[in-house]
C-alpha atoms as a PDB file:
ATOM      1  CA  MET A   1     -33.687 -30.973  -5.199  1.00  0.00           C
ATOM      2  CA  LYS A   2     -32.699 -30.230  -9.123  1.00  0.00           C
ATOM      3  CA  ILE A   3     -35.710 -27.931  -9.861  1.00  0.00           C
ATOM      4  CA  LYS A   4     -35.637 -24.591  -7.872  1.00  0.00           C
ATOM      5  CA  LYS A   5     -37.150 -21.460  -6.984  1.00  0.00           C
ATOM      6  CA  ASN A   6     -37.551 -19.104 -10.223  1.00  0.00           C
ATOM      7  CA  ASP A   7     -37.585 -22.018 -12.538  1.00  0.00           C
ATOM      8  CA  LYS A   8     -39.949 -22.893 -15.705  1.00  0.00           C
ATOM      9  CA  VAL A   9     -41.673 -25.905 -15.022  1.00  0.00           C
ATOM     10  CA  THR A  10     -43.997 -27.725 -18.316  1.00  0.00           C
ATOM     11  CA  LEU A  11     -46.709 -30.020 -15.601  1.00  0.00           C
ATOM     12  CA  LEU A  12     -46.439 -34.158 -17.297  1.00  0.00           C
ATOM     13  CA  ALA A  13     -49.322 -35.333 -14.782  1.00  0.00           C
ATOM     14  CA  GLY A  14     -52.911 -34.116 -13.399  1.00  0.00           C
ATOM     15  CA  LYS A  15     -55.777 -31.083 -14.303  1.00  0.00           C
ATOM     16  CA  ASP A  16     -53.057 -28.332 -16.247  1.00  0.00           C
ATOM     17  CA  LYS A  17     -51.219 -31.049 -18.117  1.00  0.00           C
ATOM     18  CA  GLY A  18     -48.227 -29.080 -20.633  1.00  0.00           C
ATOM     19  CA  LYS A  19     -49.027 -26.348 -19.361  1.00  0.00           C
ATOM     20  CA  THR A  20     -46.328 -24.187 -17.947  1.00  0.00           C
ATOM     21  CA  GLY A  21     -44.924 -21.902 -15.597  1.00  0.00           C
ATOM     22  CA  LYS A  22     -43.049 -20.651 -12.084  1.00  0.00           C
ATOM     23  CA  VAL A  23     -41.689 -22.057  -9.508  1.00  0.00           C
ATOM     24  CA  LEU A  24     -42.768 -20.133  -6.735  1.00  0.00           C
ATOM     25  CA  GLN A  25     -42.160 -22.449  -3.038  1.00  0.00           C
ATOM     26  CA  VAL A  26     -39.954 -25.562  -2.841  1.00  0.00           C
ATOM     27  CA  PHE A  27     -41.121 -28.193  -0.249  1.00  0.00           C
ATOM     28  CA  PRO A  28     -37.558 -30.588  -0.486  1.00  0.00           C
ATOM     29  CA  GLU A  29     -39.126 -32.282   2.934  1.00  0.00           C
ATOM     30  CA  LYS A  30     -41.929 -33.086   1.439  1.00  0.00           C
ATOM     31  CA  GLN A  31     -41.025 -33.004  -2.027  1.00  0.00           C
ATOM     32  CA  ARG A  32     -43.135 -30.812  -3.898  1.00  0.00           C
ATOM     33  CA  VAL A  33     -43.032 -27.593  -5.925  1.00  0.00           C
ATOM     34  CA  SER A  34     -45.900 -25.100  -5.661  1.00  0.00           C
ATOM     35  CA  VAL A  35     -46.040 -23.670  -9.386  1.00  0.00           C
ATOM     36  CA  GLU A  36     -46.989 -20.037 -10.099  1.00  0.00           C
ATOM     37  CA  GLY A  37     -50.913 -20.341 -11.560  1.00  0.00           C
ATOM     38  CA  LEU A  38     -51.428 -23.982 -11.988  1.00  0.00           C
ATOM     39  CA  ASN A  39     -52.775 -26.400  -9.719  1.00  0.00           C
ATOM     40  CA  LEU A  40     -54.913 -23.745  -8.952  1.00  0.00           C
ATOM     41  CA  LEU A  41     -57.369 -24.556  -5.617  1.00  0.00           C
ATOM     42  CA  ILE A  42     -60.081 -22.675  -4.116  1.00  0.00           C
ATOM     43  CA  LYS A  43     -60.649 -21.837  -0.434  1.00  0.00           C
ATOM     44  CA  HIS A  44     -63.493 -20.577   1.701  1.00  0.00           C
ATOM     45  CA  LEU A  45     -62.530 -18.031   3.993  1.00  0.00           C
ATOM     46  CA  ARG A  46     -65.877 -16.891   6.447  1.00  0.00           C
ATOM     47  CA  PRO A  47     -66.594 -13.492   7.420  1.00  0.00           C
ATOM     48  CA  ARG A  48     -64.827 -12.806  10.656  1.00  0.00           C
ATOM     49  CA  LYS A  49     -66.607  -9.708  11.369  1.00  0.00           C
ATOM     50  CA  GLU A  50     -70.605  -8.553  11.392  1.00  0.00           C
ATOM     51  CA  GLY A  51     -71.465  -7.501   8.210  1.00  0.00           C
ATOM     52  CA  GLU A  52     -68.711  -9.101   6.745  1.00  0.00           C
ATOM     53  CA  LYS A  53     -69.081 -10.873   3.501  1.00  0.00           C
ATOM     54  CA  GLY A  54     -66.645 -15.007   2.849  1.00  0.00           C
ATOM     55  CA  GLN A  55     -64.670 -15.209   0.221  1.00  0.00           C
ATOM     56  CA  ARG A  56     -63.007 -17.855  -2.034  1.00  0.00           C
ATOM     57  CA  ILE A  57     -59.479 -17.404  -2.754  1.00  0.00           C
ATOM     58  CA  GLU A  58     -57.282 -19.271  -5.059  1.00  0.00           C
ATOM     59  CA  PHE A  59     -54.587 -19.986  -4.766  1.00  0.00           C
ATOM     60  CA  PRO A  60     -51.583 -22.759  -6.403  1.00  0.00           C
ATOM     61  CA  ALA A  61     -51.672 -25.813  -4.526  1.00  0.00           C
ATOM     62  CA  PRO A  62     -48.368 -28.203  -4.435  1.00  0.00           C
ATOM     63  CA  LEU A  63     -48.014 -30.915  -6.377  1.00  0.00           C
ATOM     64  CA  ASN A  64     -45.257 -33.336  -6.610  1.00  0.00           C
ATOM     65  CA  ILE A  65     -42.034 -33.222  -8.100  1.00  0.00           C
ATOM     66  CA  SER A  66     -42.088 -36.105 -10.341  1.00  0.00           C
ATOM     67  CA  ASN A  67     -44.709 -34.322 -12.113  1.00  0.00           C
ATOM     68  CA  ALA A  68     -42.553 -30.958 -12.963  1.00  0.00           C
ATOM     69  CA  MET A  69     -39.742 -31.155 -15.553  1.00  0.00           C
ATOM     70  CA  LEU A  70     -37.941 -27.929 -15.919  1.00  0.00           C
ATOM     71  CA  VAL A  71     -37.953 -25.955 -19.164  1.00  0.00           C
ATOM     72  CA  CYS A  72     -33.729 -24.999 -19.831  1.00  0.00           C
ATOM     73  CA  PRO A  73     -33.096 -20.926 -20.379  1.00  0.00           C
ATOM     74  CA  LYS A  74     -30.990 -21.907 -22.908  1.00  0.00           C
ATOM     75  CA  CYS A  75     -32.954 -24.292 -25.777  1.00  0.00           C
ATOM     76  CA  GLY A  76     -36.620 -23.539 -24.624  1.00  0.00           C
ATOM     77  CA  LYS A  77     -37.792 -27.593 -24.486  1.00  0.00           C
ATOM     78  CA  THR A  78     -38.112 -29.425 -21.439  1.00  0.00           C
ATOM     79  CA  THR A  79     -34.774 -31.427 -19.925  1.00  0.00           C
ATOM     80  CA  ARG A  80     -33.942 -33.649 -17.035  1.00  0.00           C
ATOM     81  CA  VAL A  81     -30.952 -31.584 -15.401  1.00  0.00           C
ATOM     82  CA  ASN A  82     -26.828 -32.965 -14.739  1.00  0.00           C
ATOM     83  CA  TYR A  83     -24.960 -31.709 -12.138  1.00  0.00           C
ATOM     84  CA  LYS A  84     -20.786 -31.173 -12.922  1.00  0.00           C
ATOM     85  CA  THR A  85     -18.824 -29.635 -11.217  1.00  0.00           C
ATOM     86  CA  LEU A  86     -16.476 -27.094 -13.202  1.00  0.00           C
ATOM     87  CA  GLU A  87     -12.319 -26.116 -12.818  1.00  0.00           C
ATOM     88  CA  ALA A  88     -11.614 -23.086 -12.706  1.00  0.00           C
ATOM     89  CA  GLY A  89     -11.301 -20.005 -15.550  1.00  0.00           C
ATOM     90  CA  SER A  90     -15.261 -20.466 -16.476  1.00  0.00           C
ATOM     91  CA  GLY A  91     -16.735 -17.483 -14.550  1.00  0.00           C
ATOM     92  CA  LYS A  92     -17.988 -19.430 -11.109  1.00  0.00           C
ATOM     93  CA  LYS A  93     -15.653 -21.223  -8.310  1.00  0.00           C
ATOM     94  CA  LYS A  94     -13.161 -24.486  -8.573  1.00  0.00           C
ATOM     95  CA  GLY A  95     -15.141 -26.959  -8.035  1.00  0.00           C
ATOM     96  CA  GLN A  96     -18.565 -25.759  -7.911  1.00  0.00           C
ATOM     97  CA  LYS A  97     -21.622 -28.393  -8.312  1.00  0.00           C
ATOM     98  CA  VAL A  98     -23.565 -26.362 -11.556  1.00  0.00           C
ATOM     99  CA  ARG A  99     -26.528 -27.850 -12.533  1.00  0.00           C
ATOM    100  CA  VAL A 100     -26.660 -28.964 -16.718  1.00  0.00           C
ATOM    101  CA  CYS A 101     -29.167 -29.132 -19.317  1.00  0.00           C
ATOM    102  CA  LYS A 102     -28.927 -33.204 -20.578  1.00  0.00           C
ATOM    103  CA  LYS A 103     -29.982 -32.212 -24.051  1.00  0.00           C
ATOM    104  CA  CYS A 104     -27.828 -28.245 -25.128  1.00  0.00           C
ATOM    105  CA  LYS A 105     -24.915 -29.209 -22.348  1.00  0.00           C
ATOM    106  CA  GLU A 106     -25.044 -25.686 -21.223  1.00  0.00           C
ATOM    107  CA  VAL A 107     -25.217 -24.333 -17.471  1.00  0.00           C
ATOM    108  CA  ILE A 108     -28.205 -23.455 -16.063  1.00  0.00           C
ATOM    109  CA  ASP A 109     -27.510 -20.764 -12.964  1.00  0.00           C
END
């Protein structure tokens, strides 16, 4: 998956289109991501004990990964992700696969 936990993303579709947030969880088997403060749903909980009040809990629901686009930490623009393997001497292991911004060609990690 091209989007990972703690990445900054912009939503491309849905009720929060155009808003940005941080990725809280990634569900690769379902192709979904959960973004902080976006796509919020309200869940109503019944009272469990006598005299206790019910609650409304707001939580970010997972949305399809195709509706989120990565924001490059270097250039600050929304971008697609490319991959490349590193050569020796670039600070990381030789042959390591890294994500690269398609616009500014900088390594994202």
